[in-house]
């Protein structure tokens, strides 16, 4: 059996796919008290293909994650009020800034921290 998500079917970068899933998982955990799947997913990804996850991969994933959180998360009803919405945008913006400035220490402490090999 094969599952295809036609909404996002495209040729692209693996880091973008990882970031997309990571962002949606984080939103589910944060706002809908979903099962904690983000950390195990990222750990399994790094274990399965450690040679794929380098600084460029993490940077690309962090920028995509931040954009998804700041824009999609703030525009599609995840938050319950303006204060939560503002916090969500701030969270996404910070991740983008950390990625663009190679602030690995803050990214290691973020939801994407498991992408770093221990």
PDB file of N, CA and C in Angstrom:
ATOM      1  N   UNK A   1       0.842  -1.165   0.000  1.00  0.00           N
ATOM      2  CA  UNK A   1       0.000   0.000   0.000  1.00  0.00           C
ATOM      3  C   UNK A   1       0.894   1.235   0.000  1.00  0.00           C
ATOM      4  N   UNK A   2       0.482   2.254  -0.711  1.00  0.00           N
ATOM      5  CA  UNK A   2       1.200   3.528  -0.759  1.00  0.00           C
ATOM      6  C   UNK A   2       0.218   4.645  -0.458  1.00  0.00           C
ATOM      7  N   UNK A   3       0.655   5.559   0.377  1.00  0.00           N
ATOM      8  CA  UNK A   3      -0.166   6.726   0.692  1.00  0.00           C
ATOM      9  C   UNK A   3       0.470   7.933   0.022  1.00  0.00           C
ATOM     10  N   UNK A   4      -0.330   8.683  -0.719  1.00  0.00           N
ATOM     11  CA  UNK A   4       0.164   9.873  -1.389  1.00  0.00           C
ATOM     12  C   UNK A   4      -0.668  11.054  -0.919  1.00  0.00           C
ATOM     13  N   UNK A   5       0.008  12.090  -0.461  1.00  0.00           N
ATOM     14  CA  UNK A   5      -0.646  13.329  -0.064  1.00  0.00           C
ATOM     15  C   UNK A   5      -0.642  14.248  -1.279  1.00  0.00           C
ATOM     16  N   UNK A   6      -1.706  14.234  -2.053  1.00  0.00           N
ATOM     17  CA  UNK A   6      -1.742  14.970  -3.314  1.00  0.00           C
ATOM     18  C   UNK A   6      -1.644  16.462  -3.120  1.00  0.00           C
ATOM     19  N   UNK A   7      -2.019  16.952  -1.948  1.00  0.00           N
ATOM     20  CA  UNK A   7      -1.958  18.391  -1.697  1.00  0.00           C
ATOM     21  C   UNK A   7      -0.538  18.925  -1.840  1.00  0.00           C
ATOM     22  N   UNK A   8       0.443  18.155  -1.395  1.00  0.00           N
ATOM     23  CA  UNK A   8       1.824  18.625  -1.399  1.00  0.00           C
ATOM     24  C   UNK A   8       2.746  17.768  -2.256  1.00  0.00           C
ATOM     25  N   UNK A   9       2.206  17.046  -3.208  1.00  0.00           N
ATOM     26  CA  UNK A   9       3.036  16.227  -4.068  1.00  0.00           C
ATOM     27  C   UNK A   9       3.854  17.124  -4.987  1.00  0.00           C
ATOM     28  N   UNK A  10       5.176  16.967  -4.923  1.00  0.00           N
ATOM     29  CA  UNK A  10       6.073  17.783  -5.734  1.00  0.00           C
ATOM     30  C   UNK A  10       7.489  17.254  -5.614  1.00  0.00           C
ATOM     31  N   UNK A  11       8.336  17.713  -6.503  1.00  0.00           N
ATOM     32  CA  UNK A  11       9.761  17.454  -6.360  1.00  0.00           C
ATOM     33  C   UNK A  11      10.285  18.524  -5.424  1.00  0.00           C
ATOM     34  N   UNK A  12      11.103  18.131  -4.483  1.00  0.00           N
ATOM     35  CA  UNK A  12      11.589  19.124  -3.548  1.00  0.00           C
ATOM     36  C   UNK A  12      12.768  18.618  -2.750  1.00  0.00           C
ATOM     37  N   UNK A  13      13.050  19.331  -1.698  1.00  0.00           N
ATOM     38  CA  UNK A  13      14.164  19.006  -0.832  1.00  0.00           C
ATOM     39  C   UNK A  13      13.674  18.218   0.376  1.00  0.00           C
ATOM     40  N   UNK A  14      14.398  17.187   0.773  1.00  0.00           N
ATOM     41  CA  UNK A  14      13.990  16.413   1.955  1.00  0.00           C
ATOM     42  C   UNK A  14      13.823  17.286   3.203  1.00  0.00           C
ATOM     43  N   UNK A  15      14.656  18.296   3.362  1.00  0.00           N
ATOM     44  CA  UNK A  15      14.559  19.153   4.548  1.00  0.00           C
ATOM     45  C   UNK A  15      13.205  19.862   4.603  1.00  0.00           C
ATOM     46  N   UNK A  16      12.658  20.195   3.447  1.00  0.00           N
ATOM     47  CA  UNK A  16      11.358  20.853   3.401  1.00  0.00           C
ATOM     48  C   UNK A  16      10.264  19.902   3.860  1.00  0.00           C
ATOM     49  N   UNK A  17      10.329  18.656   3.424  1.00  0.00           N
ATOM     50  CA  UNK A  17       9.339  17.660   3.856  1.00  0.00           C
ATOM     51  C   UNK A  17       9.432  17.410   5.355  1.00  0.00           C
ATOM     52  N   UNK A  18      10.644  17.290   5.852  1.00  0.00           N
ATOM     53  CA  UNK A  18      10.842  17.076   7.290  1.00  0.00           C
ATOM     54  C   UNK A  18      10.291  18.274   8.062  1.00  0.00           C
ATOM     55  N   UNK A  19      10.594  19.472   7.617  1.00  0.00           N
ATOM     56  CA  UNK A  19      10.135  20.677   8.302  1.00  0.00           C
ATOM     57  C   UNK A  19       8.617  20.796   8.279  1.00  0.00           C
ATOM     58  N   UNK A  20       8.011  20.458   7.160  1.00  0.00           N
ATOM     59  CA  UNK A  20       6.552  20.525   7.044  1.00  0.00           C
ATOM     60  C   UNK A  20       5.904  19.594   8.069  1.00  0.00           C
ATOM     61  N   UNK A  21       6.382  18.358   8.128  1.00  0.00           N
ATOM     62  CA  UNK A  21       5.827  17.401   9.089  1.00  0.00           C
ATOM     63  C   UNK A  21       6.125  17.847  10.521  1.00  0.00           C
ATOM     64  N   UNK A  22       7.329  18.352  10.738  1.00  0.00           N
ATOM     65  CA  UNK A  22       7.712  18.813  12.077  1.00  0.00           C
ATOM     66  C   UNK A  22       6.837  19.975  12.537  1.00  0.00           C
ATOM     67  N   UNK A  23       6.560  20.907  11.649  1.00  0.00           N
ATOM     68  CA  UNK A  23       5.728  22.056  12.010  1.00  0.00           C
ATOM     69  C   UNK A  23       4.305  21.616  12.354  1.00  0.00           C
ATOM     70  N   UNK A  24       3.733  20.773  11.516  1.00  0.00           N
ATOM     71  CA  UNK A  24       2.374  20.299  11.791  1.00  0.00           C
ATOM     72  C   UNK A  24       2.320  19.475  13.077  1.00  0.00           C
ATOM     73  N   UNK A  25       3.341  18.662  13.313  1.00  0.00           N
ATOM     74  CA  UNK A  25       3.396  17.864  14.546  1.00  0.00           C
ATOM     75  C   UNK A  25       3.494  18.770  15.764  1.00  0.00           C
ATOM     76  N   UNK A  26       4.335  19.800  15.670  1.00  0.00           N
ATOM     77  CA  UNK A  26       4.491  20.729  16.781  1.00  0.00           C
ATOM     78  C   UNK A  26       3.181  21.460  17.069  1.00  0.00           C
ATOM     79  N   UNK A  27       2.500  21.902  16.021  1.00  0.00           N
ATOM     80  CA  UNK A  27       1.218  22.583  16.206  1.00  0.00           C
ATOM     81  C   UNK A  27       0.198  21.659  16.879  1.00  0.00           C
ATOM     82  N   UNK A  28       0.156  20.404  16.450  1.00  0.00           N
ATOM     83  CA  UNK A  28      -0.761  19.445  17.077  1.00  0.00           C
ATOM     84  C   UNK A  28      -0.431  19.249  18.555  1.00  0.00           C
ATOM     85  N   UNK A  29       0.838  19.087  18.856  1.00  0.00           N
ATOM     86  CA  UNK A  29       1.244  18.893  20.250  1.00  0.00           C
ATOM     87  C   UNK A  29       0.960  20.147  21.077  1.00  0.00           C
ATOM     88  N   UNK A  30       1.265  21.299  20.537  1.00  0.00           N
ATOM     89  CA  UNK A  30       1.150  22.562  21.281  1.00  0.00           C
ATOM     90  C   UNK A  30      -0.291  22.997  21.494  1.00  0.00           C
ATOM     91  N   UNK A  31      -1.125  22.889  20.463  1.00  0.00           N
ATOM     92  CA  UNK A  31      -2.468  23.453  20.551  1.00  0.00           C
ATOM     93  C   UNK A  31      -3.597  22.436  20.665  1.00  0.00           C
ATOM     94  N   UNK A  32      -3.341  21.186  20.318  1.00  0.00           N
ATOM     95  CA  UNK A  32      -4.403  20.190  20.369  1.00  0.00           C
ATOM     96  C   UNK A  32      -4.060  19.027  21.298  1.00  0.00           C
ATOM     97  N   UNK A  33      -2.999  19.198  22.053  1.00  0.00           N
ATOM     98  CA  UNK A  33      -2.552  18.165  23.010  1.00  0.00           C
ATOM     99  C   UNK A  33      -2.417  16.800  22.332  1.00  0.00           C
ATOM    100  N   UNK A  34      -1.875  16.848  21.113  1.00  0.00           N
ATOM    101  CA  UNK A  34      -1.671  15.618  20.354  1.00  0.00           C
ATOM    102  C   UNK A  34      -0.568  14.773  20.953  1.00  0.00           C
ATOM    103  N   UNK A  35      -0.512  13.538  20.522  1.00  0.00           N
ATOM    104  CA  UNK A  35       0.534  12.626  20.995  1.00  0.00           C
ATOM    105  C   UNK A  35       1.892  13.187  20.603  1.00  0.00           C
ATOM    106  N   UNK A  36       2.877  13.029  21.467  1.00  0.00           N
ATOM    107  CA  UNK A  36       4.219  13.556  21.158  1.00  0.00           C
ATOM    108  C   UNK A  36       4.913  12.739  20.067  1.00  0.00           C
ATOM    109  N   UNK A  37       4.790  13.182  18.831  1.00  0.00           N
ATOM    110  CA  UNK A  37       5.404  12.458  17.716  1.00  0.00           C
ATOM    111  C   UNK A  37       6.577  13.209  17.105  1.00  0.00           C
ATOM    112  N   UNK A  38       6.726  14.495  17.418  1.00  0.00           N
ATOM    113  CA  UNK A  38       7.768  15.289  16.774  1.00  0.00           C
ATOM    114  C   UNK A  38       9.163  14.782  17.109  1.00  0.00           C
ATOM    115  N   UNK A  39       9.481  14.677  18.379  1.00  0.00           N
ATOM    116  CA  UNK A  39      10.828  14.262  18.770  1.00  0.00           C
ATOM    117  C   UNK A  39      11.162  12.856  18.253  1.00  0.00           C
ATOM    118  N   UNK A  40      10.283  11.866  18.439  1.00  0.00           N
ATOM    119  CA  UNK A  40      10.615  10.530  17.894  1.00  0.00           C
ATOM    120  C   UNK A  40      10.782  10.530  16.379  1.00  0.00           C
ATOM    121  N   UNK A  41       9.963  11.323  15.680  1.00  0.00           N
ATOM    122  CA  UNK A  41      10.088  11.409  14.224  1.00  0.00           C
ATOM    123  C   UNK A  41      11.461  11.943  13.825  1.00  0.00           C
ATOM    124  N   UNK A  42      11.869  13.065  14.430  1.00  0.00           N
ATOM    125  CA  UNK A  42      13.160  13.661  14.078  1.00  0.00           C
ATOM    126  C   UNK A  42      14.320  12.747  14.453  1.00  0.00           C
ATOM    127  N   UNK A  43      14.240  12.115  15.596  1.00  0.00           N
ATOM    128  CA  UNK A  43      15.301  11.184  16.008  1.00  0.00           C
ATOM    129  C   UNK A  43      15.393  10.008  15.040  1.00  0.00           C
ATOM    130  N   UNK A  44      14.257   9.474  14.628  1.00  0.00           N
ATOM    131  CA  UNK A  44      14.258   8.354  13.683  1.00  0.00           C
ATOM    132  C   UNK A  44      14.815   8.792  12.327  1.00  0.00           C
ATOM    133  N   UNK A  45      14.498   9.988  11.901  1.00  0.00           N
ATOM    134  CA  UNK A  45      14.996  10.493  10.619  1.00  0.00           C
ATOM    135  C   UNK A  45      16.519  10.591  10.644  1.00  0.00           C
ATOM    136  N   UNK A  46      17.056  11.155  11.707  1.00  0.00           N
ATOM    137  CA  UNK A  46      18.511  11.303  11.818  1.00  0.00           C
ATOM    138  C   UNK A  46      19.178   9.941  11.901  1.00  0.00           C
ATOM    139  N   UNK A  47      18.569   9.013  12.618  1.00  0.00           N
ATOM    140  CA  UNK A  47      19.138   7.665  12.741  1.00  0.00           C
ATOM    141  C   UNK A  47      19.142   6.947  11.392  1.00  0.00           C
ATOM    142  N   UNK A  48      18.073   7.116  10.619  1.00  0.00           N
ATOM    143  CA  UNK A  48      17.955   6.423   9.332  1.00  0.00           C
ATOM    144  C   UNK A  48      18.873   6.985   8.263  1.00  0.00           C
ATOM    145  N   UNK A  49      19.161   8.273   8.324  1.00  0.00           N
ATOM    146  CA  UNK A  49      19.995   8.879   7.281  1.00  0.00           C
ATOM    147  C   UNK A  49      20.902   9.955   7.818  1.00  0.00           C
ATOM    148  N   UNK A  50      21.792   9.598   8.742  1.00  0.00           N
ATOM    149  CA  UNK A  50      22.622  10.638   9.372  1.00  0.00           C
ATOM    150  C   UNK A  50      23.486  11.423   8.391  1.00  0.00           C
ATOM    151  N   UNK A  51      23.829  10.827   7.277  1.00  0.00           N
ATOM    152  CA  UNK A  51      24.677  11.531   6.306  1.00  0.00           C
ATOM    153  C   UNK A  51      23.908  12.628   5.572  1.00  0.00           C
ATOM    154  N   UNK A  52      22.585  12.595   5.641  1.00  0.00           N
ATOM    155  CA  UNK A  52      21.767  13.599   4.967  1.00  0.00           C
ATOM    156  C   UNK A  52      21.583  14.872   5.787  1.00  0.00           C
ATOM    157  N   UNK A  53      21.721  14.743   7.106  1.00  0.00           N
ATOM    158  CA  UNK A  53      21.393  15.859   7.992  1.00  0.00           C
ATOM    159  C   UNK A  53      22.657  16.623   8.375  1.00  0.00           C
ATOM    160  N   UNK A  54      22.944  17.667   7.601  1.00  0.00           N
ATOM    161  CA  UNK A  54      24.094  18.523   7.886  1.00  0.00           C
ATOM    162  C   UNK A  54      23.583  19.926   8.210  1.00  0.00           C
ATOM    163  N   UNK A  55      24.479  20.880   8.351  1.00  0.00           N
ATOM    164  CA  UNK A  55      24.058  22.238   8.703  1.00  0.00           C
ATOM    165  C   UNK A  55      23.143  22.855   7.647  1.00  0.00           C
ATOM    166  N   UNK A  56      23.400  22.592   6.385  1.00  0.00           N
ATOM    167  CA  UNK A  56      22.532  23.142   5.333  1.00  0.00           C
ATOM    168  C   UNK A  56      21.127  22.564   5.414  1.00  0.00           C
ATOM    169  N   UNK A  57      21.035  21.264   5.690  1.00  0.00           N
ATOM    170  CA  UNK A  57      19.744  20.608   5.860  1.00  0.00           C
ATOM    171  C   UNK A  57      19.001  21.249   7.027  1.00  0.00           C
ATOM    172  N   UNK A  58      19.683  21.396   8.163  1.00  0.00           N
ATOM    173  CA  UNK A  58      19.046  21.953   9.359  1.00  0.00           C
ATOM    174  C   UNK A  58      18.634  23.402   9.125  1.00  0.00           C
ATOM    175  N   UNK A  59      19.471  24.171   8.468  1.00  0.00           N
ATOM    176  CA  UNK A  59      19.131  25.566   8.175  1.00  0.00           C
ATOM    177  C   UNK A  59      17.866  25.640   7.313  1.00  0.00           C
ATOM    178  N   UNK A  60      17.831  24.861   6.252  1.00  0.00           N
ATOM    179  CA  UNK A  60      16.666  24.859   5.360  1.00  0.00           C
ATOM    180  C   UNK A  60      15.416  24.410   6.122  1.00  0.00           C
ATOM    181  N   UNK A  61      15.557  23.367   6.932  1.00  0.00           N
ATOM    182  CA  UNK A  61      14.416  22.876   7.709  1.00  0.00           C
ATOM    183  C   UNK A  61      13.941  23.929   8.703  1.00  0.00           C
ATOM    184  N   UNK A  62      14.873  24.608   9.354  1.00  0.00           N
ATOM    185  CA  UNK A  62      14.506  25.612  10.354  1.00  0.00           C
ATOM    186  C   UNK A  62      13.795  26.803   9.713  1.00  0.00           C
ATOM    187  N   UNK A  63      14.259  27.247   8.554  1.00  0.00           N
ATOM    188  CA  UNK A  63      13.598  28.360   7.874  1.00  0.00           C
ATOM    189  C   UNK A  63      12.186  27.953   7.456  1.00  0.00           C
ATOM    190  N   UNK A  64      12.048  26.772   6.884  1.00  0.00           N
ATOM    191  CA  UNK A  64      10.721  26.321   6.466  1.00  0.00           C
ATOM    192  C   UNK A  64       9.801  26.162   7.682  1.00  0.00           C
ATOM    193  N   UNK A  65      10.309  25.568   8.749  1.00  0.00           N
ATOM    194  CA  UNK A  65       9.530  25.370   9.972  1.00  0.00           C
ATOM    195  C   UNK A  65       9.058  26.729  10.501  1.00  0.00           C
ATOM    196  N   UNK A  66       9.968  27.679  10.581  1.00  0.00           N
ATOM    197  CA  UNK A  66       9.618  29.001  11.084  1.00  0.00           C
ATOM    198  C   UNK A  66       8.564  29.690  10.234  1.00  0.00           C
ATOM    199  N   UNK A  67       8.718  29.599   8.918  1.00  0.00           N
ATOM    200  CA  UNK A  67       7.722  30.203   8.018  1.00  0.00           C
ATOM    201  C   UNK A  67       6.360  29.539   8.197  1.00  0.00           C
ATOM    202  N   UNK A  68       6.359  28.233   8.293  1.00  0.00           N
ATOM    203  CA  UNK A  68       5.105  27.501   8.445  1.00  0.00           C
ATOM    204  C   UNK A  68       4.418  27.876   9.756  1.00  0.00           C
ATOM    205  N   UNK A  69       5.174  27.926  10.831  1.00  0.00           N
ATOM    206  CA  UNK A  69       4.613  28.268  12.138  1.00  0.00           C
ATOM    207  C   UNK A  69       4.098  29.707  12.129  1.00  0.00           C
ATOM    208  N   UNK A  70       4.906  30.633  11.642  1.00  0.00           N
ATOM    209  CA  UNK A  70       4.529  32.050  11.683  1.00  0.00           C
ATOM    210  C   UNK A  70       3.354  32.368  10.769  1.00  0.00           C
ATOM    211  N   UNK A  71       3.350  31.795   9.575  1.00  0.00           N
ATOM    212  CA  UNK A  71       2.290  32.161   8.637  1.00  0.00           C
ATOM    213  C   UNK A  71       1.102  31.211   8.723  1.00  0.00           C
ATOM    214  N   UNK A  72       1.324  29.963   8.388  1.00  0.00           N
ATOM    215  CA  UNK A  72       0.220  28.999   8.350  1.00  0.00           C
ATOM    216  C   UNK A  72      -0.421  28.856   9.722  1.00  0.00           C
ATOM    217  N   UNK A  73       0.412  28.688  10.734  1.00  0.00           N
ATOM    218  CA  UNK A  73      -0.121  28.515  12.081  1.00  0.00           C
ATOM    219  C   UNK A  73      -0.924  29.701  12.560  1.00  0.00           C
ATOM    220  N   UNK A  74      -0.489  30.890  12.211  1.00  0.00           N
ATOM    221  CA  UNK A  74      -1.179  32.092  12.693  1.00  0.00           C
ATOM    222  C   UNK A  74      -2.428  32.426  11.872  1.00  0.00           C
ATOM    223  N   UNK A  75      -2.588  31.837  10.709  1.00  0.00           N
ATOM    224  CA  UNK A  75      -3.707  32.183   9.827  1.00  0.00           C
ATOM    225  C   UNK A  75      -4.797  31.128   9.726  1.00  0.00           C
ATOM    226  N   UNK A  76      -4.615  29.984  10.359  1.00  0.00           N
ATOM    227  CA  UNK A  76      -5.556  28.879  10.112  1.00  0.00           C
ATOM    228  C   UNK A  76      -6.260  28.373  11.363  1.00  0.00           C
ATOM    229  N   UNK A  77      -6.348  29.195  12.379  1.00  0.00           N
ATOM    230  CA  UNK A  77      -7.169  28.835  13.527  1.00  0.00           C
ATOM    231  C   UNK A  77      -6.534  27.988  14.612  1.00  0.00           C
ATOM    232  N   UNK A  78      -5.238  27.882  14.628  1.00  0.00           N
ATOM    233  CA  UNK A  78      -4.594  27.110  15.693  1.00  0.00           C
ATOM    234  C   UNK A  78      -4.696  27.823  17.034  1.00  0.00           C
ATOM    235  N   UNK A  79      -4.603  29.134  17.018  1.00  0.00           N
ATOM    236  CA  UNK A  79      -4.583  29.901  18.256  1.00  0.00           C
ATOM    237  C   UNK A  79      -6.000  30.302  18.661  1.00  0.00           C
ATOM    238  N   UNK A  80      -6.164  30.609  19.956  1.00  0.00           N
ATOM    239  CA  UNK A  80      -7.493  30.964  20.455  1.00  0.00           C
ATOM    240  C   UNK A  80      -7.662  32.461  20.668  1.00  0.00           C
ATOM    241  N   UNK A  81      -6.564  33.221  20.629  1.00  0.00           N
ATOM    242  CA  UNK A  81      -6.688  34.665  20.820  1.00  0.00           C
ATOM    243  C   UNK A  81      -5.487  35.381  20.203  1.00  0.00           C
ATOM    244  N   UNK A  82      -5.548  36.699  20.226  1.00  0.00           N
ATOM    245  CA  UNK A  82      -4.506  37.519  19.592  1.00  0.00           C
ATOM    246  C   UNK A  82      -3.149  37.335  20.264  1.00  0.00           C
ATOM    247  N   UNK A  83      -3.134  37.146  21.582  1.00  0.00           N
ATOM    248  CA  UNK A  83      -1.858  36.970  22.290  1.00  0.00           C
ATOM    249  C   UNK A  83      -1.175  35.675  21.862  1.00  0.00           C
ATOM    250  N   UNK A  84      -1.922  34.586  21.759  1.00  0.00           N
ATOM    251  CA  UNK A  84      -1.345  33.313  21.293  1.00  0.00           C
ATOM    252  C   UNK A  84      -0.874  33.446  19.854  1.00  0.00           C
ATOM    253  N   UNK A  85      -1.627  34.155  19.052  1.00  0.00           N
ATOM    254  CA  UNK A  85      -1.256  34.349  17.653  1.00  0.00           C
ATOM    255  C   UNK A  85       0.061  35.115  17.549  1.00  0.00           C
ATOM    256  N   UNK A  86       0.196  36.157  18.348  1.00  0.00           N
ATOM    257  CA  UNK A  86       1.428  36.945  18.355  1.00  0.00           C
ATOM    258  C   UNK A  86       2.614  36.082  18.796  1.00  0.00           C
ATOM    259  N   UNK A  87       2.409  35.247  19.792  1.00  0.00           N
ATOM    260  CA  UNK A  87       3.460  34.351  20.278  1.00  0.00           C
ATOM    261  C   UNK A  87       3.866  33.344  19.196  1.00  0.00           C
ATOM    262  N   UNK A  88       2.902  32.848  18.457  1.00  0.00           N
ATOM    263  CA  UNK A  88       3.185  31.902  17.380  1.00  0.00           C
ATOM    264  C   UNK A  88       4.035  32.556  16.296  1.00  0.00           C
ATOM    265  N   UNK A  89       3.699  33.767  15.922  1.00  0.00           N
ATOM    266  CA  UNK A  89       4.485  34.503  14.918  1.00  0.00           C
ATOM    267  C   UNK A  89       5.893  34.754  15.445  1.00  0.00           C
ATOM    268  N   UNK A  90       6.019  35.129  16.710  1.00  0.00           N
ATOM    269  CA  UNK A  90       7.331  35.362  17.308  1.00  0.00           C
ATOM    270  C   UNK A  90       8.168  34.083  17.292  1.00  0.00           C
ATOM    271  N   UNK A  91       7.547  32.964  17.618  1.00  0.00           N
ATOM    272  CA  UNK A  91       8.252  31.678  17.623  1.00  0.00           C
ATOM    273  C   UNK A  91       8.800  31.352  16.238  1.00  0.00           C
ATOM    274  N   UNK A  92       7.979  31.521  15.229  1.00  0.00           N
ATOM    275  CA  UNK A  92       8.429  31.261  13.860  1.00  0.00           C
ATOM    276  C   UNK A  92       9.522  32.211  13.426  1.00  0.00           C
ATOM    277  N   UNK A  93       9.352  33.499  13.743  1.00  0.00           N
ATOM    278  CA  UNK A  93      10.354  34.504  13.372  1.00  0.00           C
ATOM    279  C   UNK A  93      11.696  34.216  14.032  1.00  0.00           C
ATOM    280  N   UNK A  94      11.672  33.845  15.304  1.00  0.00           N
ATOM    281  CA  UNK A  94      12.927  33.525  15.991  1.00  0.00           C
ATOM    282  C   UNK A  94      13.653  32.367  15.320  1.00  0.00           C
ATOM    283  N   UNK A  95      12.899  31.330  14.959  1.00  0.00           N
ATOM    284  CA  UNK A  95      13.538  30.175  14.322  1.00  0.00           C
ATOM    285  C   UNK A  95      14.192  30.597  13.009  1.00  0.00           C
ATOM    286  N   UNK A  96      13.517  31.407  12.238  1.00  0.00           N
ATOM    287  CA  UNK A  96      14.083  31.876  10.969  1.00  0.00           C
ATOM    288  C   UNK A  96      15.359  32.676  11.237  1.00  0.00           C
ATOM    289  N   UNK A  97      15.318  33.572  12.193  1.00  0.00           N
ATOM    290  CA  UNK A  97      16.502  34.380  12.521  1.00  0.00           C
ATOM    291  C   UNK A  97      17.658  33.499  12.985  1.00  0.00           C
ATOM    292  N   UNK A  98      17.366  32.518  13.821  1.00  0.00           N
ATOM    293  CA  UNK A  98      18.428  31.619  14.291  1.00  0.00           C
ATOM    294  C   UNK A  98      19.039  30.857  13.122  1.00  0.00           C
ATOM    295  N   UNK A  99      18.207  30.401  12.210  1.00  0.00           N
ATOM    296  CA  UNK A  99      18.709  29.642  11.061  1.00  0.00           C
ATOM    297  C   UNK A  99      19.589  30.516  10.172  1.00  0.00           C
ATOM    298  N   UNK A 100      19.132  31.714   9.891  1.00  0.00           N
ATOM    299  CA  UNK A 100      19.878  32.585   8.989  1.00  0.00           C
ATOM    300  C   UNK A 100      21.181  33.098   9.598  1.00  0.00           C
ATOM    301  N   UNK A 101      21.250  33.126  10.917  1.00  0.00           N
ATOM    302  CA  UNK A 101      22.485  33.571  11.581  1.00  0.00           C
ATOM    303  C   UNK A 101      23.318  32.396  12.102  1.00  0.00           C
ATOM    304  N   UNK A 102      22.930  31.188  11.733  1.00  0.00           N
ATOM    305  CA  UNK A 102      23.625  29.963  12.179  1.00  0.00           C
ATOM    306  C   UNK A 102      23.736  29.894  13.705  1.00  0.00           C
ATOM    307  N   UNK A 103      22.676  30.247  14.382  1.00  0.00           N
ATOM    308  CA  UNK A 103      22.624  30.184  15.851  1.00  0.00           C
ATOM    309  C   UNK A 103      22.233  28.763  16.256  1.00  0.00           C
ATOM    310  N   UNK A 104      23.200  27.858  16.151  1.00  0.00           N
ATOM    311  CA  UNK A 104      22.949  26.441  16.387  1.00  0.00           C
ATOM    312  C   UNK A 104      22.562  26.155  17.836  1.00  0.00           C
ATOM    313  N   UNK A 105      23.076  26.917  18.762  1.00  0.00           N
ATOM    314  CA  UNK A 105      22.758  26.670  20.180  1.00  0.00           C
ATOM    315  C   UNK A 105      21.262  26.847  20.438  1.00  0.00           C
ATOM    316  N   UNK A 106      20.668  27.905  19.905  1.00  0.00           N
ATOM    317  CA  UNK A 106      19.225  28.092  20.101  1.00  0.00           C
ATOM    318  C   UNK A 106      18.417  27.065  19.332  1.00  0.00           C
ATOM    319  N   UNK A 107      18.850  26.701  18.141  1.00  0.00           N
ATOM    320  CA  UNK A 107      18.119  25.680  17.382  1.00  0.00           C
ATOM    321  C   UNK A 107      18.203  24.337  18.108  1.00  0.00           C
ATOM    322  N   UNK A 108      19.333  24.041  18.722  1.00  0.00           N
ATOM    323  CA  UNK A 108      19.453  22.790  19.482  1.00  0.00           C
ATOM    324  C   UNK A 108      18.457  22.731  20.632  1.00  0.00           C
ATOM    325  N   UNK A 109      18.093  23.883  21.186  1.00  0.00           N
ATOM    326  CA  UNK A 109      17.140  23.942  22.302  1.00  0.00           C
ATOM    327  C   UNK A 109      15.691  24.035  21.817  1.00  0.00           C
ATOM    328  N   UNK A 110      15.504  24.125  20.523  1.00  0.00           N
ATOM    329  CA  UNK A 110      14.176  24.309  19.938  1.00  0.00           C
ATOM    330  C   UNK A 110      13.522  22.950  19.646  1.00  0.00           C
ATOM    331  N   UNK A 111      12.293  22.975  19.138  1.00  0.00           N
ATOM    332  CA  UNK A 111      11.658  21.722  18.734  1.00  0.00           C
ATOM    333  C   UNK A 111      12.432  20.945  17.674  1.00  0.00           C
ATOM    334  N   UNK A 112      13.308  21.625  16.924  1.00  0.00           N
ATOM    335  CA  UNK A 112      14.105  20.929  15.905  1.00  0.00           C
ATOM    336  C   UNK A 112      15.432  20.408  16.448  1.00  0.00           C
ATOM    337  N   UNK A 113      15.667  20.565  17.714  1.00  0.00           N
ATOM    338  CA  UNK A 113      16.901  20.105  18.336  1.00  0.00           C
ATOM    339  C   UNK A 113      17.287  18.661  18.050  1.00  0.00           C
ATOM    340  N   UNK A 114      16.306  17.747  17.995  1.00  0.00           N
ATOM    341  CA  UNK A 114      16.664  16.349  17.713  1.00  0.00           C
ATOM    342  C   UNK A 114      17.332  16.123  16.350  1.00  0.00           C
ATOM    343  N   UNK A 115      17.310  17.114  15.469  1.00  0.00           N
ATOM    344  CA  UNK A 115      18.015  16.946  14.187  1.00  0.00           C
ATOM    345  C   UNK A 115      19.530  16.929  14.351  1.00  0.00           C
ATOM    346  N   UNK A 116      20.015  17.427  15.458  1.00  0.00           N
ATOM    347  CA  UNK A 116      21.452  17.421  15.695  1.00  0.00           C
ATOM    348  C   UNK A 116      21.862  16.054  16.207  1.00  0.00           C
ATOM    349  N   UNK A 117      22.893  15.527  15.599  1.00  0.00           N
ATOM    350  CA  UNK A 117      23.419  14.224  16.044  1.00  0.00           C
ATOM    351  C   UNK A 117      24.011  14.392  17.437  1.00  0.00           C
ATOM    352  N   UNK A 118      23.720  13.442  18.308  1.00  0.00           N
ATOM    353  CA  UNK A 118      24.250  13.572  19.672  1.00  0.00           C
ATOM    354  C   UNK A 118      25.682  13.113  19.789  1.00  0.00           C
TER     355      UNK A 118
END
